[in-house]
Amino acid sequence: MKRILFLVLVVQFFASCTSESIPNGILSEGDMVKILVDIQLTEGMVSAMPIPYDSSQALYSLMEKEVFIKHEVTDSVFTKSMLYYLEDAKKMDRIYARVIDSLMVRETNPGIEERF
């Protein structure tokens, strides 16, 4: 299991070391992964709460703002970056593969999120 995890991390490292330049005002793939991981965790927390749907939507909006504050990014920069990466399916697949891998690592190793 450790060898597989190590291999996945090595592949992710080399995949993230691309020579393509990113336009100004666009988040890097690594930053997108970190933000999307936190957004997924936030969505999971909110959906697990026993509150009405409209209340959960309001709570999610507040918590999403906290994610952006944590990562020192505005929602407009995040949205612009998402639109940029959505134009290239390979990049978006690569980003979400890293998000899924990060979530799986966190699930199997509680407390590891401090390292990301």
C-alpha atoms as a PDB file:
ATOM      1  CA  MET A   1       0.000   0.000   0.000  1.00  0.00           C
ATOM      2  CA  LYS A   2       2.806   2.413   0.871  1.00  0.00           C
ATOM      3  CA  ARG A   3       4.533   1.692  -2.437  1.00  0.00           C
ATOM      4  CA  ILE A   4       1.347   2.407  -4.358  1.00  0.00           C
ATOM      5  CA  LEU A   5       0.827   5.671  -2.467  1.00  0.00           C
ATOM      6  CA  PHE A   6       4.447   6.650  -3.092  1.00  0.00           C
ATOM      7  CA  LEU A   7       4.089   5.837  -6.803  1.00  0.00           C
ATOM      8  CA  VAL A   8       0.894   7.911  -7.054  1.00  0.00           C
ATOM      9  CA  LEU A   9       2.604  10.869  -5.374  1.00  0.00           C
ATOM     10  CA  VAL A  10       5.654  10.608  -7.656  1.00  0.00           C
ATOM     11  CA  VAL A  11       3.433  10.498 -10.751  1.00  0.00           C
ATOM     12  CA  GLN A  12       1.502  13.510  -9.459  1.00  0.00           C
ATOM     13  CA  PHE A  13       4.742  15.397  -8.897  1.00  0.00           C
ATOM     14  CA  PHE A  14       5.980  14.824 -12.421  1.00  0.00           C
ATOM     15  CA  ALA A  15       2.553  15.554 -13.883  1.00  0.00           C
ATOM     16  CA  SER A  16       2.437  18.867 -12.046  1.00  0.00           C
ATOM     17  CA  CYS A  17       5.860  19.888 -13.380  1.00  0.00           C
ATOM     18  CA  THR A  18       4.696  20.979 -16.789  1.00  0.00           C
ATOM     19  CA  SER A  19       6.424  23.647 -18.820  1.00  0.00           C
ATOM     20  CA  GLU A  20       3.177  25.238 -19.948  1.00  0.00           C
ATOM     21  CA  SER A  21       2.744  28.791 -18.776  1.00  0.00           C
ATOM     22  CA  ILE A  22      -0.446  29.787 -17.031  1.00  0.00           C
ATOM     23  CA  PRO A  23      -1.998  33.171 -17.868  1.00  0.00           C
ATOM     24  CA  ASN A  24      -1.926  35.925 -15.267  1.00  0.00           C
ATOM     25  CA  GLY A  25      -4.803  35.780 -12.820  1.00  0.00           C
ATOM     26  CA  ILE A  26      -5.158  31.994 -13.088  1.00  0.00           C
ATOM     27  CA  LEU A  27      -4.415  29.746 -10.127  1.00  0.00           C
ATOM     28  CA  SER A  28      -1.843  26.995 -10.528  1.00  0.00           C
ATOM     29  CA  GLU A  29      -3.022  23.397 -10.723  1.00  0.00           C
ATOM     30  CA  GLY A  30      -1.623  22.798  -7.246  1.00  0.00           C
ATOM     31  CA  ASP A  31      -3.566  25.714  -5.787  1.00  0.00           C
ATOM     32  CA  MET A  32      -6.714  24.539  -7.549  1.00  0.00           C
ATOM     33  CA  VAL A  33      -6.279  21.087  -6.042  1.00  0.00           C
ATOM     34  CA  LYS A  34      -5.896  22.487  -2.517  1.00  0.00           C
ATOM     35  CA  ILE A  35      -8.960  24.705  -2.867  1.00  0.00           C
ATOM     36  CA  LEU A  36     -11.092  21.999  -4.472  1.00  0.00           C
ATOM     37  CA  VAL A  37     -10.162  19.539  -1.716  1.00  0.00           C
ATOM     38  CA  ASP A  38     -11.316  22.034   0.901  1.00  0.00           C
ATOM     39  CA  ILE A  39     -14.489  22.758  -1.064  1.00  0.00           C
ATOM     40  CA  GLN A  40     -15.279  19.043  -1.273  1.00  0.00           C
ATOM     41  CA  LEU A  41     -14.702  18.659   2.466  1.00  0.00           C
ATOM     42  CA  THR A  42     -16.920  21.675   3.130  1.00  0.00           C
ATOM     43  CA  GLU A  43     -19.704  20.264   0.950  1.00  0.00           C
ATOM     44  CA  GLY A  44     -19.455  16.973   2.812  1.00  0.00           C
ATOM     45  CA  MET A  45     -19.674  18.639   6.214  1.00  0.00           C
ATOM     46  CA  VAL A  46     -22.675  20.726   5.247  1.00  0.00           C
ATOM     47  CA  SER A  47     -24.531  17.846   3.622  1.00  0.00           C
ATOM     48  CA  ALA A  48     -24.041  15.733   6.760  1.00  0.00           C
ATOM     49  CA  MET A  49     -25.712  18.309   8.995  1.00  0.00           C
ATOM     50  CA  PRO A  50     -29.332  17.673   9.952  1.00  0.00           C
ATOM     51  CA  ILE A  51     -30.620  21.066   8.770  1.00  0.00           C
ATOM     52  CA  PRO A  52     -33.107  22.115   6.091  1.00  0.00           C
ATOM     53  CA  TYR A  53     -31.858  22.443   2.524  1.00  0.00           C
ATOM     54  CA  ASP A  54     -32.154  26.251   2.361  1.00  0.00           C
ATOM     55  CA  SER A  55     -30.229  26.590   5.616  1.00  0.00           C
ATOM     56  CA  SER A  56     -27.540  24.246   4.353  1.00  0.00           C
ATOM     57  CA  GLN A  57     -27.143  26.355   1.213  1.00  0.00           C
ATOM     58  CA  ALA A  58     -26.706  29.526   3.276  1.00  0.00           C
ATOM     59  CA  LEU A  59     -24.226  27.781   5.567  1.00  0.00           C
ATOM     60  CA  TYR A  60     -22.297  26.400   2.600  1.00  0.00           C
ATOM     61  CA  SER A  61     -21.959  29.887   1.103  1.00  0.00           C
ATOM     62  CA  LEU A  62     -20.443  31.154   4.347  1.00  0.00           C
ATOM     63  CA  MET A  63     -18.104  28.205   4.655  1.00  0.00           C
ATOM     64  CA  GLU A  64     -17.043  28.497   1.019  1.00  0.00           C
ATOM     65  CA  LYS A  65     -16.025  32.103   1.666  1.00  0.00           C
ATOM     66  CA  GLU A  66     -13.879  30.837   4.537  1.00  0.00           C
ATOM     67  CA  VAL A  67     -12.154  28.428   2.146  1.00  0.00           C
ATOM     68  CA  PHE A  68     -11.286  31.335  -0.151  1.00  0.00           C
ATOM     69  CA  ILE A  69     -10.035  33.401   2.786  1.00  0.00           C
ATOM     70  CA  LYS A  70      -7.902  30.470   3.973  1.00  0.00           C
ATOM     71  CA  HIS A  71      -6.284  30.173   0.540  1.00  0.00           C
ATOM     72  CA  GLU A  72      -6.055  33.952   0.088  1.00  0.00           C
ATOM     73  CA  VAL A  73      -7.987  33.942  -3.169  1.00  0.00           C
ATOM     74  CA  THR A  74     -11.134  35.717  -4.302  1.00  0.00           C
ATOM     75  CA  ASP A  75     -14.129  33.847  -5.609  1.00  0.00           C
ATOM     76  CA  SER A  76     -13.761  35.645  -8.937  1.00  0.00           C
ATOM     77  CA  VAL A  77     -10.165  34.407  -9.372  1.00  0.00           C
ATOM     78  CA  PHE A  78     -11.293  30.899  -8.467  1.00  0.00           C
ATOM     79  CA  THR A  79     -14.174  31.055 -10.964  1.00  0.00           C
ATOM     80  CA  LYS A  80     -11.904  32.445 -13.683  1.00  0.00           C
ATOM     81  CA  SER A  81      -9.416  29.660 -12.987  1.00  0.00           C
ATOM     82  CA  MET A  82     -12.133  26.992 -13.101  1.00  0.00           C
ATOM     83  CA  LEU A  83     -13.316  28.296 -16.466  1.00  0.00           C
ATOM     84  CA  TYR A  84      -9.724  28.253 -17.748  1.00  0.00           C
ATOM     85  CA  TYR A  85      -9.134  24.647 -16.671  1.00  0.00           C
ATOM     86  CA  LEU A  86     -12.550  23.490 -17.895  1.00  0.00           C
ATOM     87  CA  GLU A  87     -11.470  24.446 -21.427  1.00  0.00           C
ATOM     88  CA  ASP A  88      -8.871  21.662 -21.338  1.00  0.00           C
ATOM     89  CA  ALA A  89     -10.329  18.283 -20.370  1.00  0.00           C
ATOM     90  CA  LYS A  90      -6.887  16.749 -19.766  1.00  0.00           C
ATOM     91  CA  LYS A  91      -5.929  19.466 -17.285  1.00  0.00           C
ATOM     92  CA  MET A  92      -9.265  19.203 -15.506  1.00  0.00           C
ATOM     93  CA  ASP A  93      -8.985  15.408 -15.344  1.00  0.00           C
ATOM     94  CA  ARG A  94      -5.489  15.756 -13.914  1.00  0.00           C
ATOM     95  CA  ILE A  95      -6.687  18.249 -11.289  1.00  0.00           C
ATOM     96  CA  TYR A  96      -9.641  16.120 -10.198  1.00  0.00           C
ATOM     97  CA  ALA A  97      -7.501  12.984 -10.120  1.00  0.00           C
ATOM     98  CA  ARG A  98      -5.233  14.789  -7.662  1.00  0.00           C
ATOM     99  CA  VAL A  99      -8.257  15.972  -5.657  1.00  0.00           C
ATOM    100  CA  ILE A 100      -9.572  12.412  -5.416  1.00  0.00           C
ATOM    101  CA  ASP A 101      -6.139  11.087  -4.471  1.00  0.00           C
ATOM    102  CA  SER A 102      -5.787  13.745  -1.767  1.00  0.00           C
ATOM    103  CA  LEU A 103      -9.216  12.946  -0.353  1.00  0.00           C
ATOM    104  CA  MET A 104      -8.430   9.224  -0.360  1.00  0.00           C
ATOM    105  CA  VAL A 105      -5.150   9.826   1.474  1.00  0.00           C
ATOM    106  CA  ARG A 106      -6.973  11.925   4.066  1.00  0.00           C
ATOM    107  CA  GLU A 107      -9.627   9.268   4.476  1.00  0.00           C
ATOM    108  CA  THR A 108      -7.120   6.478   5.029  1.00  0.00           C
ATOM    109  CA  ASN A 109      -4.781   8.601   7.180  1.00  0.00           C
ATOM    110  CA  PRO A 110      -6.797  10.911   9.458  1.00  0.00           C
ATOM    111  CA  GLY A 111      -4.819  13.931  10.604  1.00  0.00           C
ATOM    112  CA  ILE A 112      -2.663  14.080   7.481  1.00  0.00           C
ATOM    113  CA  GLU A 113      -4.395  17.209   6.147  1.00  0.00           C
ATOM    114  CA  GLU A 114      -1.911  19.462   7.959  1.00  0.00           C
ATOM    115  CA  ARG A 115       0.766  18.430   5.429  1.00  0.00           C
ATOM    116  CA  PHE A 116      -1.195  19.520   2.339  1.00  0.00           C
END
